[in-house]
Amino acid sequence: MNPEPGHAVDVILDLVEKNPGEIEIVTIGPVTNIALAILKAPETMNKVKSIYTMGTAGFGAGNTTPVSEFNVYVDAEAYSIMISYSKIGY
Protein backbone atom coordinates (compact mmCIF):
# COMPACT_ATOMS: atom_id res chain seq x y z
CA MET A 1 0.00 0.00 0.00
CA ASN A 2 1.05 3.56 -0.60
CA PRO A 3 0.61 6.35 1.91
CA GLU A 4 -2.54 8.40 1.55
CA PRO A 5 -1.99 11.95 0.33
CA GLY A 6 -2.29 14.81 2.80
CA HIS A 7 -1.55 15.30 6.46
CA ALA A 8 -3.50 13.39 9.11
CA VAL A 9 -4.64 16.63 10.75
CA ASP A 10 -6.21 17.83 7.51
CA VAL A 11 -7.91 14.46 6.98
CA ILE A 12 -9.38 14.60 10.51
CA LEU A 13 -10.66 18.13 9.95
CA ASP A 14 -12.10 17.25 6.56
CA LEU A 15 -13.95 14.22 7.94
CA VAL A 16 -15.39 16.26 10.81
CA GLU A 17 -16.50 19.07 8.47
CA LYS A 18 -18.23 16.59 6.15
CA ASN A 19 -19.92 14.76 9.06
CA PRO A 20 -20.70 17.33 11.78
CA GLY A 21 -21.93 15.85 15.03
CA GLU A 22 -21.33 12.30 13.82
CA ILE A 23 -17.61 11.70 14.33
CA GLU A 24 -16.52 9.92 17.50
CA ILE A 25 -12.76 9.78 17.95
CA VAL A 26 -11.19 6.92 19.92
CA THR A 27 -7.56 7.55 20.81
CA ILE A 28 -5.49 4.46 21.52
CA GLY A 29 -2.11 6.13 21.16
CA PRO A 30 -0.51 9.56 21.53
CA VAL A 31 -2.92 12.38 20.65
CA THR A 32 -0.55 14.70 18.78
CA ASN A 33 -2.73 14.95 15.66
CA ILE A 34 -5.88 15.55 17.70
CA ALA A 35 -4.20 18.43 19.55
CA LEU A 36 -2.91 19.88 16.28
CA ALA A 37 -6.41 19.70 14.80
CA ILE A 38 -7.81 21.51 17.85
CA LEU A 39 -5.18 24.25 17.55
CA LYS A 40 -5.60 24.57 13.78
CA ALA A 41 -9.41 24.64 13.63
CA PRO A 42 -11.14 24.66 17.02
CA GLU A 43 -14.45 25.61 15.39
CA THR A 44 -14.31 22.43 13.33
CA MET A 45 -13.30 20.25 16.27
CA ASN A 46 -16.36 21.58 18.15
CA LYS A 47 -18.35 19.48 15.65
CA VAL A 48 -16.84 16.22 16.96
CA LYS A 49 -19.50 14.18 18.77
CA SER A 50 -17.12 12.62 21.33
CA ILE A 51 -13.47 11.93 22.01
CA TYR A 52 -12.67 8.77 23.98
CA THR A 53 -9.14 8.32 25.22
CA MET A 54 -6.87 5.69 26.67
CA GLY A 55 -4.25 7.56 28.57
CA THR A 56 -4.39 7.81 32.32
CA ALA A 57 -2.73 6.08 35.22
CA GLY A 58 -4.93 7.85 37.75
CA PHE A 59 -6.07 4.68 39.49
CA GLY A 60 -2.77 2.87 39.79
CA ALA A 61 0.77 2.64 38.54
CA GLY A 62 1.57 3.84 35.05
CA ASN A 63 2.96 1.56 32.38
CA THR A 64 5.86 3.89 31.49
CA THR A 65 6.73 5.59 34.79
CA PRO A 66 5.27 5.08 38.27
CA VAL A 67 2.61 7.73 37.50
CA SER A 68 2.45 7.98 33.72
CA GLU A 69 0.78 6.00 30.97
CA PHE A 70 2.67 5.78 27.66
CA ASN A 71 0.19 7.72 25.50
CA VAL A 72 0.35 10.71 27.84
CA TYR A 73 4.08 10.42 28.58
CA VAL A 74 5.24 10.67 24.97
CA ASP A 75 3.24 13.86 24.26
CA ALA A 76 1.92 15.30 27.51
CA GLU A 77 1.45 18.74 25.94
CA ALA A 78 -0.90 17.33 23.29
CA TYR A 79 -2.83 15.39 25.91
CA SER A 80 -3.19 18.55 27.98
CA ILE A 81 -4.54 20.46 24.97
CA MET A 82 -7.07 17.71 24.25
CA ILE A 83 -8.23 17.42 27.87
CA SER A 84 -8.48 21.19 28.31
CA TYR A 85 -10.42 21.48 25.06
CA SER A 86 -12.82 18.71 25.97
CA LYS A 87 -13.67 20.40 29.29
CA ILE A 88 -14.16 23.94 28.06
CA GLY A 89 -14.42 23.77 24.30
CA TYR A 90 -13.35 26.62 22.04
PDB file of N, CA and C in Angstrom:
ATOM      1  N   MET A   1       0.824  -1.178   0.000  1.00  0.00           N
ATOM      2  CA  MET A   1       0.000   0.000   0.000  1.00  0.00           C
ATOM      3  C   MET A   1       0.873   1.247   0.000  1.00  0.00           C
ATOM      4  N   ASN A   2       0.364   2.267  -0.610  1.00  0.00           N
ATOM      5  CA  ASN A   2       1.047   3.560  -0.602  1.00  0.00           C
ATOM      6  C   ASN A   2       0.408   4.468   0.438  1.00  0.00           C
ATOM      7  N   PRO A   3       1.188   5.400   0.958  1.00  0.00           N
ATOM      8  CA  PRO A   3       0.611   6.347   1.913  1.00  0.00           C
ATOM      9  C   PRO A   3      -0.488   7.179   1.248  1.00  0.00           C
ATOM     10  N   GLU A   4      -1.493   7.520   2.035  1.00  0.00           N
ATOM     11  CA  GLU A   4      -2.544   8.399   1.548  1.00  0.00           C
ATOM     12  C   GLU A   4      -1.977   9.812   1.419  1.00  0.00           C
ATOM     13  N   PRO A   5      -2.467  10.566   0.461  1.00  0.00           N
ATOM     14  CA  PRO A   5      -1.985  11.952   0.334  1.00  0.00           C
ATOM     15  C   PRO A   5      -2.539  12.820   1.463  1.00  0.00           C
ATOM     16  N   GLY A   6      -1.823  13.858   1.800  1.00  0.00           N
ATOM     17  CA  GLY A   6      -2.289  14.809   2.801  1.00  0.00           C
ATOM     18  C   GLY A   6      -1.814  14.477   4.194  1.00  0.00           C
ATOM     19  N   HIS A   7      -1.956  15.443   5.065  1.00  0.00           N
ATOM     20  CA  HIS A   7      -1.547  15.299   6.457  1.00  0.00           C
ATOM     21  C   HIS A   7      -2.723  14.782   7.274  1.00  0.00           C
ATOM     22  N   ALA A   8      -2.451  13.979   8.282  1.00  0.00           N
ATOM     23  CA  ALA A   8      -3.495  13.387   9.112  1.00  0.00           C
ATOM     24  C   ALA A   8      -4.407  14.445   9.734  1.00  0.00           C
ATOM     25  N   VAL A   9      -3.841  15.570  10.146  1.00  0.00           N
ATOM     26  CA  VAL A   9      -4.645  16.633  10.748  1.00  0.00           C
ATOM     27  C   VAL A   9      -5.686  17.146   9.761  1.00  0.00           C
ATOM     28  N   ASP A  10      -5.271  17.346   8.520  1.00  0.00           N
ATOM     29  CA  ASP A  10      -6.210  17.827   7.508  1.00  0.00           C
ATOM     30  C   ASP A  10      -7.284  16.789   7.192  1.00  0.00           C
ATOM     31  N   VAL A  11      -6.931  15.531   7.221  1.00  0.00           N
ATOM     32  CA  VAL A  11      -7.909  14.462   6.984  1.00  0.00           C
ATOM     33  C   VAL A  11      -8.933  14.451   8.118  1.00  0.00           C
ATOM     34  N   ILE A  12      -8.475  14.558   9.357  1.00  0.00           N
ATOM     35  CA  ILE A  12      -9.383  14.603  10.509  1.00  0.00           C
ATOM     36  C   ILE A  12     -10.352  15.769  10.358  1.00  0.00           C
ATOM     37  N   LEU A  13      -9.812  16.942  10.076  1.00  0.00           N
ATOM     38  CA  LEU A  13     -10.659  18.134   9.954  1.00  0.00           C
ATOM     39  C   LEU A  13     -11.652  18.009   8.803  1.00  0.00           C
ATOM     40  N   ASP A  14     -11.212  17.439   7.709  1.00  0.00           N
ATOM     41  CA  ASP A  14     -12.097  17.252   6.556  1.00  0.00           C
ATOM     42  C   ASP A  14     -13.247  16.289   6.891  1.00  0.00           C
ATOM     43  N   LEU A  15     -12.915  15.190   7.557  1.00  0.00           N
ATOM     44  CA  LEU A  15     -13.950  14.220   7.941  1.00  0.00           C
ATOM     45  C   LEU A  15     -14.969  14.834   8.904  1.00  0.00           C
ATOM     46  N   VAL A  16     -14.489  15.627   9.844  1.00  0.00           N
ATOM     47  CA  VAL A  16     -15.390  16.258  10.807  1.00  0.00           C
ATOM     48  C   VAL A  16     -16.284  17.277  10.103  1.00  0.00           C
ATOM     49  N   GLU A  17     -15.708  18.079   9.206  1.00  0.00           N
ATOM     50  CA  GLU A  17     -16.501  19.074   8.467  1.00  0.00           C
ATOM     51  C   GLU A  17     -17.583  18.407   7.618  1.00  0.00           C
ATOM     52  N   LYS A  18     -17.264  17.286   7.020  1.00  0.00           N
ATOM     53  CA  LYS A  18     -18.225  16.593   6.151  1.00  0.00           C
ATOM     54  C   LYS A  18     -19.272  15.808   6.936  1.00  0.00           C
ATOM     55  N   ASN A  19     -19.020  15.571   8.229  1.00  0.00           N
ATOM     56  CA  ASN A  19     -19.921  14.763   9.060  1.00  0.00           C
ATOM     57  C   ASN A  19     -20.119  15.407  10.433  1.00  0.00           C
ATOM     58  N   PRO A  20     -20.596  16.636  10.484  1.00  0.00           N
ATOM     59  CA  PRO A  20     -20.700  17.332  11.781  1.00  0.00           C
ATOM     60  C   PRO A  20     -21.626  16.601  12.753  1.00  0.00           C
ATOM     61  N   GLY A  21     -21.145  16.495  13.990  1.00  0.00           N
ATOM     62  CA  GLY A  21     -21.932  15.851  15.033  1.00  0.00           C
ATOM     63  C   GLY A  21     -21.985  14.342  14.964  1.00  0.00           C
ATOM     64  N   GLU A  22     -21.292  13.758  13.998  1.00  0.00           N
ATOM     65  CA  GLU A  22     -21.334  12.303  13.821  1.00  0.00           C
ATOM     66  C   GLU A  22     -20.023  11.602  14.156  1.00  0.00           C
ATOM     67  N   ILE A  23     -18.924  12.318  14.152  1.00  0.00           N
ATOM     68  CA  ILE A  23     -17.607  11.697  14.326  1.00  0.00           C
ATOM     69  C   ILE A  23     -17.309  11.497  15.812  1.00  0.00           C
ATOM     70  N   GLU A  24     -16.985  10.257  16.167  1.00  0.00           N
ATOM     71  CA  GLU A  24     -16.518   9.917  17.499  1.00  0.00           C
ATOM     72  C   GLU A  24     -15.077   9.444  17.351  1.00  0.00           C
ATOM     73  N   ILE A  25     -14.180  10.098  18.048  1.00  0.00           N
ATOM     74  CA  ILE A  25     -12.758   9.778  17.952  1.00  0.00           C
ATOM     75  C   ILE A  25     -12.367   8.915  19.151  1.00  0.00           C
ATOM     76  N   VAL A  26     -11.691   7.802  18.874  1.00  0.00           N
ATOM     77  CA  VAL A  26     -11.186   6.923  19.919  1.00  0.00           C
ATOM     78  C   VAL A  26      -9.671   6.944  19.825  1.00  0.00           C
ATOM     79  N   THR A  27      -9.017   7.469  20.838  1.00  0.00           N
ATOM     80  CA  THR A  27      -7.555   7.554  20.813  1.00  0.00           C
ATOM     81  C   THR A  27      -6.982   6.366  21.571  1.00  0.00           C
ATOM     82  N   ILE A  28      -6.148   5.600  20.884  1.00  0.00           N
ATOM     83  CA  ILE A  28      -5.492   4.455  21.521  1.00  0.00           C
ATOM     84  C   ILE A  28      -3.982   4.604  21.482  1.00  0.00           C
ATOM     85  N   GLY A  29      -3.530   5.814  21.207  1.00  0.00           N
ATOM     86  CA  GLY A  29      -2.109   6.131  21.160  1.00  0.00           C
ATOM     87  C   GLY A  29      -1.931   7.600  21.484  1.00  0.00           C
ATOM     88  N   PRO A  30      -0.739   8.134  21.296  1.00  0.00           N
ATOM     89  CA  PRO A  30      -0.510   9.557  21.533  1.00  0.00           C
ATOM     90  C   PRO A  30      -1.483  10.414  20.708  1.00  0.00           C
ATOM     91  N   VAL A  31      -1.859  11.561  21.250  1.00  0.00           N
ATOM     92  CA  VAL A  31      -2.925  12.381  20.645  1.00  0.00           C
ATOM     93  C   VAL A  31      -2.392  13.621  19.935  1.00  0.00           C
ATOM     94  N   THR A  32      -1.182  13.551  19.430  1.00  0.00           N
ATOM     95  CA  THR A  32      -0.550  14.697  18.779  1.00  0.00           C
ATOM     96  C   THR A  32      -1.418  15.276  17.667  1.00  0.00           C
ATOM     97  N   ASN A  33      -1.938  14.443  16.778  1.00  0.00           N
ATOM     98  CA  ASN A  33      -2.731  14.947  15.659  1.00  0.00           C
ATOM     99  C   ASN A  33      -4.072  15.524  16.101  1.00  0.00           C
ATOM    100  N   ILE A  34      -4.640  14.994  17.170  1.00  0.00           N
ATOM    101  CA  ILE A  34      -5.883  15.553  17.696  1.00  0.00           C
ATOM    102  C   ILE A  34      -5.620  16.956  18.236  1.00  0.00           C
ATOM    103  N   ALA A  35      -4.557  17.110  19.005  1.00  0.00           N
ATOM    104  CA  ALA A  35      -4.201  18.429  19.546  1.00  0.00           C
ATOM    105  C   ALA A  35      -3.911  19.424  18.425  1.00  0.00           C
ATOM    106  N   LEU A  36      -3.200  18.986  17.402  1.00  0.00           N
ATOM    107  CA  LEU A  36      -2.910  19.883  16.282  1.00  0.00           C
ATOM    108  C   LEU A  36      -4.191  20.294  15.555  1.00  0.00           C
ATOM    109  N   ALA A  37      -5.128  19.369  15.432  1.00  0.00           N
ATOM    110  CA  ALA A  37      -6.409  19.698  14.797  1.00  0.00           C
ATOM    111  C   ALA A  37      -7.173  20.714  15.642  1.00  0.00           C
ATOM    112  N   ILE A  38      -7.144  20.562  16.954  1.00  0.00           N
ATOM    113  CA  ILE A  38      -7.809  21.511  17.852  1.00  0.00           C
ATOM    114  C   ILE A  38      -7.185  22.894  17.702  1.00  0.00           C
ATOM    115  N   LEU A  39      -5.858  22.958  17.676  1.00  0.00           N
ATOM    116  CA  LEU A  39      -5.185  24.249  17.551  1.00  0.00           C
ATOM    117  C   LEU A  39      -5.399  24.878  16.178  1.00  0.00           C
ATOM    118  N   LYS A  40      -5.451  24.061  15.140  1.00  0.00           N
ATOM    119  CA  LYS A  40      -5.598  24.573  13.776  1.00  0.00           C
ATOM    120  C   LYS A  40      -7.016  25.049  13.496  1.00  0.00           C
ATOM    121  N   ALA A  41      -8.013  24.307  13.964  1.00  0.00           N
ATOM    122  CA  ALA A  41      -9.405  24.641  13.633  1.00  0.00           C
ATOM    123  C   ALA A  41     -10.340  24.256  14.779  1.00  0.00           C
ATOM    124  N   PRO A  42     -10.289  25.008  15.881  1.00  0.00           N
ATOM    125  CA  PRO A  42     -11.138  24.659  17.022  1.00  0.00           C
ATOM    126  C   PRO A  42     -12.628  24.677  16.684  1.00  0.00           C
ATOM    127  N   GLU A  43     -13.034  25.554  15.767  1.00  0.00           N
ATOM    128  CA  GLU A  43     -14.448  25.612  15.391  1.00  0.00           C
ATOM    129  C   GLU A  43     -14.896  24.332  14.690  1.00  0.00           C
ATOM    130  N   THR A  44     -13.991  23.717  13.956  1.00  0.00           N
ATOM    131  CA  THR A  44     -14.306  22.434  13.327  1.00  0.00           C
ATOM    132  C   THR A  44     -14.328  21.326  14.361  1.00  0.00           C
ATOM    133  N   MET A  45     -13.362  21.311  15.261  1.00  0.00           N
ATOM    134  CA  MET A  45     -13.304  20.251  16.271  1.00  0.00           C
ATOM    135  C   MET A  45     -14.477  20.326  17.250  1.00  0.00           C
ATOM    136  N   ASN A  46     -15.137  21.485  17.345  1.00  0.00           N
ATOM    137  CA  ASN A  46     -16.358  21.581  18.148  1.00  0.00           C
ATOM    138  C   ASN A  46     -17.475  20.727  17.564  1.00  0.00           C
ATOM    139  N   LYS A  47     -17.339  20.300  16.321  1.00  0.00           N
ATOM    140  CA  LYS A  47     -18.350  19.481  15.653  1.00  0.00           C
ATOM    141  C   LYS A  47     -18.139  17.985  15.878  1.00  0.00           C
ATOM    142  N   VAL A  48     -17.085  17.620  16.612  1.00  0.00           N
ATOM    143  CA  VAL A  48     -16.836  16.217  16.957  1.00  0.00           C
ATOM    144  C   VAL A  48     -17.853  15.800  18.010  1.00  0.00           C
ATOM    145  N   LYS A  49     -18.487  14.659  17.822  1.00  0.00           N
ATOM    146  CA  LYS A  49     -19.499  14.183  18.769  1.00  0.00           C
ATOM    147  C   LYS A  49     -18.871  13.839  20.114  1.00  0.00           C
ATOM    148  N   SER A  50     -17.787  13.050  20.106  1.00  0.00           N
ATOM    149  CA  SER A  50     -17.121  12.617  21.333  1.00  0.00           C
ATOM    150  C   SER A  50     -15.668  12.283  21.036  1.00  0.00           C
ATOM    151  N   ILE A  51     -14.846  12.423  22.066  1.00  0.00           N
ATOM    152  CA  ILE A  51     -13.471  11.928  22.013  1.00  0.00           C
ATOM    153  C   ILE A  51     -13.296  10.999  23.211  1.00  0.00           C
ATOM    154  N   TYR A  52     -12.962   9.753  22.935  1.00  0.00           N
ATOM    155  CA  TYR A  52     -12.671   8.773  23.980  1.00  0.00           C
ATOM    156  C   TYR A  52     -11.169   8.555  23.980  1.00  0.00           C
ATOM    157  N   THR A  53     -10.591   8.429  25.170  1.00  0.00           N
ATOM    158  CA  THR A  53      -9.141   8.319  25.222  1.00  0.00           C
ATOM    159  C   THR A  53      -8.676   7.216  26.160  1.00  0.00           C
ATOM    160  N   MET A  54      -7.549   6.645  25.809  1.00  0.00           N
ATOM    161  CA  MET A  54      -6.867   5.687  26.667  1.00  0.00           C
ATOM    162  C   MET A  54      -5.559   6.355  27.040  1.00  0.00           C
ATOM    163  N   GLY A  55      -5.477   6.856  28.265  1.00  0.00           N
ATOM    164  CA  GLY A  55      -4.249   7.564  28.571  1.00  0.00           C
ATOM    165  C   GLY A  55      -4.104   8.059  29.981  1.00  0.00           C
ATOM    166  N   THR A  56      -4.586   7.347  30.960  1.00  0.00           N
ATOM    167  CA  THR A  56      -4.392   7.811  32.321  1.00  0.00           C
ATOM    168  C   THR A  56      -3.919   6.679  33.219  1.00  0.00           C
ATOM    169  N   ALA A  57      -3.148   7.035  34.197  1.00  0.00           N
ATOM    170  CA  ALA A  57      -2.728   6.078  35.218  1.00  0.00           C
ATOM    171  C   ALA A  57      -3.273   6.533  36.565  1.00  0.00           C
ATOM    172  N   GLY A  58      -4.374   7.249  36.547  1.00  0.00           N
ATOM    173  CA  GLY A  58      -4.927   7.854  37.747  1.00  0.00           C
ATOM    174  C   GLY A  58      -5.371   6.893  38.831  1.00  0.00           C
ATOM    175  N   PHE A  59      -5.586   5.627  38.498  1.00  0.00           N
ATOM    176  CA  PHE A  59      -6.071   4.679  39.488  1.00  0.00           C
ATOM    177  C   PHE A  59      -5.041   3.607  39.834  1.00  0.00           C
ATOM    178  N   GLY A  60      -3.805   3.844  39.489  1.00  0.00           N
ATOM    179  CA  GLY A  60      -2.772   2.865  39.792  1.00  0.00           C
ATOM    180  C   GLY A  60      -1.473   3.260  39.114  1.00  0.00           C
ATOM    181  N   ALA A  61      -0.551   2.358  39.132  1.00  0.00           N
ATOM    182  CA  ALA A  61       0.766   2.637  38.543  1.00  0.00           C
ATOM    183  C   ALA A  61       0.664   2.795  37.035  1.00  0.00           C
ATOM    184  N   GLY A  62       1.510   3.671  36.491  1.00  0.00           N
ATOM    185  CA  GLY A  62       1.570   3.843  35.045  1.00  0.00           C
ATOM    186  C   GLY A  62       2.323   2.706  34.393  1.00  0.00           C
ATOM    187  N   ASN A  63       2.239   2.627  33.070  1.00  0.00           N
ATOM    188  CA  ASN A  63       2.959   1.561  32.380  1.00  0.00           C
ATOM    189  C   ASN A  63       4.287   2.052  31.787  1.00  0.00           C
ATOM    190  N   THR A  64       4.599   3.331  31.991  1.00  0.00           N
ATOM    191  CA  THR A  64       5.862   3.886  31.495  1.00  0.00           C
ATOM    192  C   THR A  64       6.708   4.434  32.634  1.00  0.00           C
ATOM    193  N   THR A  65       6.084   5.136  33.555  1.00  0.00           N
ATOM    194  CA  THR A  65       6.729   5.588  34.790  1.00  0.00           C
ATOM    195  C   THR A  65       5.771   5.226  35.919  1.00  0.00           C
ATOM    196  N   PRO A  66       6.184   5.417  37.161  1.00  0.00           N
ATOM    197  CA  PRO A  66       5.266   5.077  38.265  1.00  0.00           C
ATOM    198  C   PRO A  66       3.918   5.808  38.212  1.00  0.00           C
ATOM    199  N   VAL A  67       3.863   6.962  37.535  1.00  0.00           N
ATOM    200  CA  VAL A  67       2.613   7.727  37.500  1.00  0.00           C
ATOM    201  C   VAL A  67       2.164   8.093  36.094  1.00  0.00           C
ATOM    202  N   SER A  68       2.781   7.556  35.070  1.00  0.00           N
ATOM    203  CA  SER A  68       2.449   7.983  33.717  1.00  0.00           C
ATOM    204  C   SER A  68       2.183   6.810  32.787  1.00  0.00           C
ATOM    205  N   GLU A  69       1.132   6.952  32.014  1.00  0.00           N
ATOM    206  CA  GLU A  69       0.782   5.997  30.971  1.00  0.00           C
ATOM    207  C   GLU A  69       1.484   6.432  29.687  1.00  0.00           C
ATOM    208  N   PHE A  70       1.870   5.503  28.848  1.00  0.00           N
ATOM    209  CA  PHE A  70       2.673   5.779  27.656  1.00  0.00           C
ATOM    210  C   PHE A  70       2.087   6.869  26.768  1.00  0.00           C
ATOM    211  N   ASN A  71       0.791   6.789  26.456  1.00  0.00           N
ATOM    212  CA  ASN A  71       0.190   7.724  25.504  1.00  0.00           C
ATOM    213  C   ASN A  71       0.247   9.168  25.984  1.00  0.00           C
ATOM    214  N   VAL A  72       0.217   9.372  27.283  1.00  0.00           N
ATOM    215  CA  VAL A  72       0.355  10.713  27.843  1.00  0.00           C
ATOM    216  C   VAL A  72       1.832  11.089  27.923  1.00  0.00           C
ATOM    217  N   TYR A  73       2.647  10.159  28.353  1.00  0.00           N
ATOM    218  CA  TYR A  73       4.077  10.417  28.581  1.00  0.00           C
ATOM    219  C   TYR A  73       4.787  10.919  27.328  1.00  0.00           C
ATOM    220  N   VAL A  74       4.496  10.322  26.182  1.00  0.00           N
ATOM    221  CA  VAL A  74       5.239  10.670  24.970  1.00  0.00           C
ATOM    222  C   VAL A  74       4.831  12.014  24.376  1.00  0.00           C
ATOM    223  N   ASP A  75       3.642  12.530  24.717  1.00  0.00           N
ATOM    224  CA  ASP A  75       3.237  13.864  24.261  1.00  0.00           C
ATOM    225  C   ASP A  75       2.243  14.456  25.251  1.00  0.00           C
ATOM    226  N   ALA A  76       2.763  14.777  26.432  1.00  0.00           N
ATOM    227  CA  ALA A  76       1.917  15.305  27.506  1.00  0.00           C
ATOM    228  C   ALA A  76       1.290  16.645  27.122  1.00  0.00           C
ATOM    229  N   GLU A  77       1.997  17.445  26.354  1.00  0.00           N
ATOM    230  CA  GLU A  77       1.445  18.741  25.940  1.00  0.00           C
ATOM    231  C   GLU A  77       0.200  18.545  25.072  1.00  0.00           C
ATOM    232  N   ALA A  78       0.263  17.608  24.147  1.00  0.00           N
ATOM    233  CA  ALA A  78      -0.897  17.334  23.289  1.00  0.00           C
ATOM    234  C   ALA A  78      -2.060  16.809  24.119  1.00  0.00           C
ATOM    235  N   TYR A  79      -1.770  15.935  25.063  1.00  0.00           N
ATOM    236  CA  TYR A  79      -2.831  15.390  25.911  1.00  0.00           C
ATOM    237  C   TYR A  79      -3.486  16.500  26.724  1.00  0.00           C
ATOM    238  N   SER A  80      -2.668  17.429  27.224  1.00  0.00           N
ATOM    239  CA  SER A  80      -3.190  18.553  27.984  1.00  0.00           C
ATOM    240  C   SER A  80      -4.108  19.427  27.121  1.00  0.00           C
ATOM    241  N   ILE A  81      -3.708  19.670  25.890  1.00  0.00           N
ATOM    242  CA  ILE A  81      -4.540  20.455  24.966  1.00  0.00           C
ATOM    243  C   ILE A  81      -5.872  19.755  24.753  1.00  0.00           C
ATOM    244  N   MET A  82      -5.840  18.454  24.507  1.00  0.00           N
ATOM    245  CA  MET A  82      -7.075  17.713  24.252  1.00  0.00           C
ATOM    246  C   MET A  82      -7.978  17.710  25.478  1.00  0.00           C
ATOM    247  N   ILE A  83      -7.424  17.467  26.655  1.00  0.00           N
ATOM    248  CA  ILE A  83      -8.233  17.415  27.865  1.00  0.00           C
ATOM    249  C   ILE A  83      -8.799  18.796  28.184  1.00  0.00           C
ATOM    250  N   SER A  84      -7.998  19.832  28.067  1.00  0.00           N
ATOM    251  CA  SER A  84      -8.484  21.194  28.313  1.00  0.00           C
ATOM    252  C   SER A  84      -9.590  21.560  27.341  1.00  0.00           C
ATOM    253  N   TYR A  85      -9.414  21.206  26.094  1.00  0.00           N
ATOM    254  CA  TYR A  85     -10.419  21.479  25.056  1.00  0.00           C
ATOM    255  C   TYR A  85     -11.715  20.757  25.361  1.00  0.00           C
ATOM    256  N   SER A  86     -11.606  19.507  25.769  1.00  0.00           N
ATOM    257  CA  SER A  86     -12.822  18.711  25.974  1.00  0.00           C
ATOM    258  C   SER A  86     -13.616  19.212  27.181  1.00  0.00           C
ATOM    259  N   LYS A  87     -12.963  19.878  28.123  1.00  0.00           N
ATOM    260  CA  LYS A  87     -13.671  20.397  29.294  1.00  0.00           C
ATOM    261  C   LYS A  87     -14.335  21.736  29.009  1.00  0.00           C
ATOM    262  N   ILE A  88     -13.634  22.589  28.244  1.00  0.00           N
ATOM    263  CA  ILE A  88     -14.156  23.943  28.064  1.00  0.00           C
ATOM    264  C   ILE A  88     -14.609  24.238  26.653  1.00  0.00           C
ATOM    265  N   GLY A  89     -14.102  23.480  25.695  1.00  0.00           N
ATOM    266  CA  GLY A  89     -14.424  23.768  24.295  1.00  0.00           C
ATOM    267  C   GLY A  89     -13.799  25.081  23.862  1.00  0.00           C
ATOM    268  N   TYR A  90     -13.863  25.358  22.582  1.00  0.00           N
ATOM    269  CA  TYR A  90     -13.355  26.622  22.042  1.00  0.00           C
ATOM    270  C   TYR A  90     -14.469  27.328  21.333  1.00  0.00           C
TER     271      TYR A  90
END
